Amino acid sequence: MDALPLDPGDYSGSYKLLGGRLALDFVNTVSWPDTKREHDWLSSAANATAWCAAVGLAMSPLSENDLDAFRALRRDIRDTLRPFAHDQKPPKRVVEVFNSRVRSASHLREIDPETLAWVWTNQSTVIDWSAPIVFDAAEIVTLEDHARLKHCPSCDWLFEDQTRNGSRRWCDMSDCGSRAKSRDYYRRTKVG
């Protein structure tokens, strides 16, 4: 997977769509969460607009004023999904907040009479345009089995393990996986 052309600012990393689900990729727009290395890829309206285009959200360009609402949505989805990846359930208050997001997005979804597919209608705000992210997150929450929802032990990005045998360990083998293997090799062969 190629890196998205997002402006990293003074950060030296890159951003890739590795989560396997729209909501997980949205949560992963924060690299190295809750560490000194934390980096917010949605730090500018240009980056947020580019991210939306890359994931196929038909959204008008975001303004700087839209960013706070967009990042607040990401926080609510992160707080809801992250516990599942760590083999826990989200707290009831977190689910209640997320449910308000689901209720707000529900009136925007209907079945197209021609295609018989879900379509999004009456989208006028950044939160309205983000309804597909909310519904993807809701689908993840309501899964019977969350065993395939995992986190990278290196960078803590979330991903859906889509391997046949459920053996995926890292967000990206060529990035975090290689670093972890190099660290392990160094520890095993370190003299002294």
Protein backbone atom coordinates (compact mmCIF):
# COMPACT_ATOMS: atom_id res chain seq x y z
CA MET A 1 0.00 0.00 0.00
CA ASP A 2 1.36 3.37 -1.00
CA ALA A 3 1.47 6.32 1.36
CA LEU A 4 -1.22 8.95 0.86
CA PRO A 5 0.07 12.35 -0.27
CA LEU A 6 -0.69 14.07 3.04
CA ASP A 7 1.53 16.89 4.26
CA PRO A 8 3.44 15.51 7.24
CA GLY A 9 4.59 18.92 8.47
CA ASP A 10 7.66 18.31 10.63
CA TYR A 11 6.77 14.64 11.17
CA SER A 12 9.06 12.13 9.45
CA GLY A 13 6.53 9.34 8.86
CA SER A 14 3.87 8.67 6.26
CA TYR A 15 0.22 7.70 6.35
CA LYS A 16 -1.21 4.58 4.71
CA LEU A 17 -4.69 3.08 4.61
CA LEU A 18 -3.96 -0.13 6.50
CA GLY A 19 -6.96 -0.62 8.77
CA GLY A 20 -9.05 -2.62 6.33
CA ARG A 21 -12.16 -0.64 7.26
CA LEU A 22 -13.13 3.01 6.77
CA ALA A 23 -13.69 3.66 10.49
CA LEU A 24 -10.36 2.07 11.43
CA ASP A 25 -8.46 4.14 8.85
CA PHE A 26 -10.19 7.22 10.28
CA VAL A 27 -9.04 6.36 13.81
CA ASN A 28 -5.55 5.72 12.43
CA THR A 29 -5.22 9.33 11.26
CA VAL A 30 -3.40 9.76 14.56
CA SER A 31 0.00 8.08 14.39
CA TRP A 32 1.53 6.79 17.62
CA PRO A 33 -1.47 7.80 19.78
CA ASP A 34 -0.81 8.82 23.39
CA THR A 35 2.99 8.85 22.97
CA LYS A 36 5.63 11.55 22.51
CA ARG A 37 5.65 10.64 18.81
CA GLU A 38 1.90 11.32 18.35
CA HIS A 39 1.09 12.97 15.04
CA ASP A 40 -2.33 14.12 13.83
CA TRP A 41 -2.70 13.64 10.06
CA LEU A 42 -5.88 15.73 10.15
CA SER A 43 -4.01 18.81 11.38
CA SER A 44 -5.03 20.84 8.34
CA ALA A 45 -8.14 21.21 6.21
CA ALA A 46 -6.08 20.27 3.15
CA ASN A 47 -4.98 16.97 4.71
CA ALA A 48 -8.52 16.19 5.90
CA THR A 49 -9.91 16.90 2.42
CA ALA A 50 -7.20 14.74 0.80
CA TRP A 51 -7.91 11.90 3.24
CA CYS A 52 -11.65 12.06 2.49
CA ALA A 53 -10.98 11.92 -1.25
CA ALA A 54 -8.61 8.95 -0.82
CA VAL A 55 -11.22 6.90 1.05
CA GLY A 56 -14.00 7.79 -1.38
CA LEU A 57 -16.05 10.17 0.74
CA ALA A 58 -17.85 12.54 -1.63
CA MET A 59 -17.22 15.58 0.49
CA SER A 60 -16.76 19.21 -0.43
CA PRO A 61 -13.41 20.66 0.66
CA LEU A 62 -13.23 20.97 4.41
CA SER A 63 -12.58 24.33 6.00
CA GLU A 64 -10.44 24.99 9.04
CA ASN A 65 -13.72 25.47 10.96
CA ASP A 66 -14.77 21.90 10.03
CA LEU A 67 -11.65 20.34 11.55
CA ASP A 68 -12.76 20.51 15.19
CA ALA A 69 -16.03 18.71 14.43
CA PHE A 70 -14.22 16.13 12.26
CA ARG A 71 -11.61 15.43 14.93
CA ALA A 72 -14.29 15.22 17.66
CA LEU A 73 -16.05 12.57 15.58
CA ARG A 74 -12.76 10.70 15.26
CA ARG A 75 -12.28 10.85 19.05
CA ASP A 76 -15.76 9.41 19.68
CA ILE A 77 -15.19 6.60 17.18
CA ARG A 78 -11.71 5.89 18.58
CA ASP A 79 -13.03 5.74 22.14
CA THR A 80 -15.67 3.26 21.00
CA LEU A 81 -13.50 0.97 18.84
CA ARG A 82 -10.09 0.95 20.56
CA PRO A 83 -11.25 -1.14 23.55
CA PHE A 84 -12.41 -3.96 21.23
CA ALA A 85 -8.92 -4.17 19.69
CA HIS A 86 -7.53 -4.54 23.22
CA ASP A 87 -9.98 -7.35 24.10
CA GLN A 88 -12.23 -5.09 26.18
CA LYS A 89 -15.66 -3.50 25.86
CA PRO A 90 -16.07 0.26 25.66
CA PRO A 91 -17.55 1.93 28.74
CA LYS A 92 -21.31 2.46 28.67
CA ARG A 93 -20.94 6.28 28.61
CA VAL A 94 -18.72 6.02 25.50
CA VAL A 95 -21.31 3.89 23.72
CA GLU A 96 -24.02 6.39 24.68
CA VAL A 97 -22.00 9.22 23.09
CA PHE A 98 -21.41 7.10 20.00
CA ASN A 99 -25.12 6.25 19.83
CA SER A 100 -25.88 9.97 19.53
CA ARG A 101 -23.62 9.98 16.45
CA VAL A 102 -25.48 6.99 15.02
CA ARG A 103 -28.86 8.63 15.63
CA SER A 104 -27.70 11.85 13.94
CA ALA A 105 -26.47 9.95 10.88
CA SER A 106 -29.49 7.64 10.59
CA HIS A 107 -31.74 10.12 8.82
CA LEU A 108 -29.16 10.45 6.01
CA ARG A 109 -29.35 6.84 4.83
CA GLU A 110 -31.98 5.33 2.54
CA ILE A 111 -32.38 2.66 -0.12
CA ASP A 112 -32.22 3.81 -3.73
CA PRO A 113 -35.35 2.47 -5.53
CA GLU A 114 -33.40 1.85 -8.76
CA THR A 115 -30.26 0.14 -7.46
CA LEU A 116 -31.67 -1.18 -4.17
CA ALA A 117 -28.43 -0.08 -2.55
CA TRP A 118 -27.86 2.18 0.43
CA VAL A 119 -27.33 5.83 -0.52
CA TRP A 120 -26.58 8.94 1.51
CA THR A 121 -28.88 11.94 1.14
CA ASN A 122 -29.20 15.53 2.40
CA GLN A 123 -25.56 15.82 3.39
CA SER A 124 -24.81 19.45 4.15
CA THR A 125 -22.25 19.51 6.98
CA VAL A 126 -18.94 17.75 7.55
CA ILE A 127 -20.65 15.51 10.10
CA ASP A 128 -23.37 14.64 7.57
CA TRP A 129 -20.71 13.77 4.98
CA SER A 130 -19.02 11.60 7.61
CA ALA A 131 -22.10 9.39 8.07
CA PRO A 132 -20.49 6.44 6.19
CA ILE A 133 -17.66 6.44 8.76
CA VAL A 134 -20.19 6.37 11.61
CA PHE A 135 -22.11 3.47 10.06
CA ASP A 136 -18.93 1.51 9.41
CA ALA A 137 -17.94 1.99 13.05
CA ALA A 138 -21.45 0.93 14.15
CA GLU A 139 -21.13 -2.20 12.04
CA ILE A 140 -17.86 -3.02 13.80
CA VAL A 141 -19.39 -2.41 17.24
CA THR A 142 -22.30 -4.74 16.55
CA LEU A 143 -20.18 -7.63 15.29
CA GLU A 144 -20.81 -10.82 17.21
CA ASP A 145 -17.10 -11.59 17.35
CA HIS A 146 -14.42 -8.91 17.65
CA ALA A 147 -11.50 -11.35 17.48
CA ARG A 148 -10.34 -9.99 14.10
CA LEU A 149 -10.23 -6.40 15.36
CA LYS A 150 -6.64 -5.95 16.49
CA HIS A 151 -4.05 -3.29 17.26
CA CYS A 152 -0.43 -3.04 16.20
CA PRO A 153 1.79 -3.72 19.24
CA SER A 154 4.31 -1.23 17.87
CA CYS A 155 2.32 1.87 16.91
CA ASP A 156 -1.18 0.99 18.29
CA TRP A 157 -2.97 1.51 14.97
CA LEU A 158 -6.17 -0.51 14.67
CA PHE A 159 -6.81 -3.02 11.91
CA GLU A 160 -9.17 -5.77 10.90
CA ASP A 161 -7.21 -8.99 10.49
CA GLN A 162 -8.43 -10.26 7.12
CA THR A 163 -5.96 -13.13 6.89
CA ARG A 164 -7.50 -16.55 6.53
CA ASN A 165 -5.97 -17.89 9.74
CA GLY A 166 -6.18 -14.66 11.78
CA SER A 167 -2.41 -14.32 12.09
CA ARG A 168 -1.80 -10.66 11.19
CA ARG A 169 0.30 -9.04 13.91
CA TRP A 170 1.24 -5.55 12.71
CA CYS A 171 -0.40 -2.67 10.91
CA ASP A 172 2.24 -2.98 8.18
CA MET A 173 4.81 -5.76 7.94
CA SER A 174 7.24 -3.56 6.00
CA ASP A 175 7.09 -0.81 8.65
CA CYS A 176 6.23 -1.87 12.21
CA GLY A 177 6.79 -5.58 11.51
CA SER A 178 10.30 -4.99 10.18
CA ARG A 179 11.16 -2.74 13.12
CA ALA A 180 9.92 -5.32 15.61
CA LYS A 181 11.83 -8.14 13.91
CA SER A 182 14.99 -6.01 13.83
CA ARG A 183 14.61 -5.24 17.55
CA ASP A 184 14.09 -8.92 18.34
CA TYR A 185 17.11 -9.92 16.26
CA TYR A 186 19.27 -7.30 18.00
CA ARG A 187 18.15 -8.55 21.43
CA ARG A 188 18.88 -12.18 20.52
CA THR A 189 22.32 -11.49 19.05
CA LYS A 190 23.46 -8.68 21.35
CA VAL A 191 26.84 -9.53 22.84
CA GLY A 192 27.47 -8.72 26.42
